[in-house]
């Protein structure tokens, strides 16, 4: 198993369960991805 294979799930978990809302947007401002915290803030669980 490589470092990348081990660290990707950990990174994913940290992103999804961060105590702050996180977004990934496209250059035009379209939201491509939002973490669970951000979705909860909007009531979109």
C-alpha atoms as a PDB file:
ATOM      1  CA  UNK A   1       0.000   0.000   0.000  1.00  0.00           C
ATOM      2  CA  UNK A   2       1.339   3.447  -0.898  1.00  0.00           C
ATOM      3  CA  UNK A   3       1.226   6.603   1.192  1.00  0.00           C
ATOM      4  CA  UNK A   4      -1.319   8.051  -1.244  1.00  0.00           C
ATOM      5  CA  UNK A   5      -3.614   5.041  -0.834  1.00  0.00           C
ATOM      6  CA  UNK A   6      -3.527   5.372   2.945  1.00  0.00           C
ATOM      7  CA  UNK A   7      -3.763   9.161   3.171  1.00  0.00           C
ATOM      8  CA  UNK A   8      -6.627   9.680   0.693  1.00  0.00           C
ATOM      9  CA  UNK A   9      -9.331   8.194   2.981  1.00  0.00           C
ATOM     10  CA  UNK A  10      -7.946  10.186   5.914  1.00  0.00           C
ATOM     11  CA  UNK A  11      -7.973  13.401   3.886  1.00  0.00           C
ATOM     12  CA  UNK A  12     -11.506  12.674   2.679  1.00  0.00           C
ATOM     13  CA  UNK A  13     -12.689  12.127   6.256  1.00  0.00           C
ATOM     14  CA  UNK A  14     -11.060  15.364   7.436  1.00  0.00           C
ATOM     15  CA  UNK A  15     -12.721  17.296   4.591  1.00  0.00           C
ATOM     16  CA  UNK A  16     -16.185  15.852   5.190  1.00  0.00           C
ATOM     17  CA  UNK A  17     -16.157  16.224   8.973  1.00  0.00           C
ATOM     18  CA  UNK A  18     -14.320  19.531   9.353  1.00  0.00           C
ATOM     19  CA  UNK A  19     -15.897  21.833  11.959  1.00  0.00           C
ATOM     20  CA  UNK A  20     -16.219  24.520   9.282  1.00  0.00           C
ATOM     21  CA  UNK A  21     -18.124  24.482   6.022  1.00  0.00           C
ATOM     22  CA  UNK A  22     -15.886  23.847   3.026  1.00  0.00           C
ATOM     23  CA  UNK A  23     -16.619  24.318  -0.673  1.00  0.00           C
ATOM     24  CA  UNK A  24     -14.850  23.468  -3.875  1.00  0.00           C
ATOM     25  CA  UNK A  25     -15.920  25.752  -6.703  1.00  0.00           C
ATOM     26  CA  UNK A  26     -15.250  26.013 -10.397  1.00  0.00           C
ATOM     27  CA  UNK A  27     -13.631  29.201 -11.728  1.00  0.00           C
ATOM     28  CA  UNK A  28     -17.095  30.524 -12.681  1.00  0.00           C
ATOM     29  CA  UNK A  29     -18.322  30.165  -9.077  1.00  0.00           C
ATOM     30  CA  UNK A  30     -20.368  26.996  -9.530  1.00  0.00           C
ATOM     31  CA  UNK A  31     -20.184  24.816  -6.420  1.00  0.00           C
ATOM     32  CA  UNK A  32     -18.640  21.507  -7.401  1.00  0.00           C
ATOM     33  CA  UNK A  33     -18.516  19.998  -3.925  1.00  0.00           C
ATOM     34  CA  UNK A  34     -19.496  20.903  -0.364  1.00  0.00           C
ATOM     35  CA  UNK A  35     -18.629  19.071   2.835  1.00  0.00           C
ATOM     36  CA  UNK A  36     -21.166  17.625   5.274  1.00  0.00           C
ATOM     37  CA  UNK A  37     -20.829  20.564   7.676  1.00  0.00           C
ATOM     38  CA  UNK A  38     -21.728  23.080   4.963  1.00  0.00           C
ATOM     39  CA  UNK A  39     -24.697  20.957   3.874  1.00  0.00           C
ATOM     40  CA  UNK A  40     -25.945  20.726   7.471  1.00  0.00           C
ATOM     41  CA  UNK A  41     -25.705  24.507   7.826  1.00  0.00           C
ATOM     42  CA  UNK A  42     -28.018  24.785   4.812  1.00  0.00           C
ATOM     43  CA  UNK A  43     -30.334  22.024   6.042  1.00  0.00           C
ATOM     44  CA  UNK A  44     -29.376  19.742   3.143  1.00  0.00           C
ATOM     45  CA  UNK A  45     -28.364  16.593   4.996  1.00  0.00           C
END
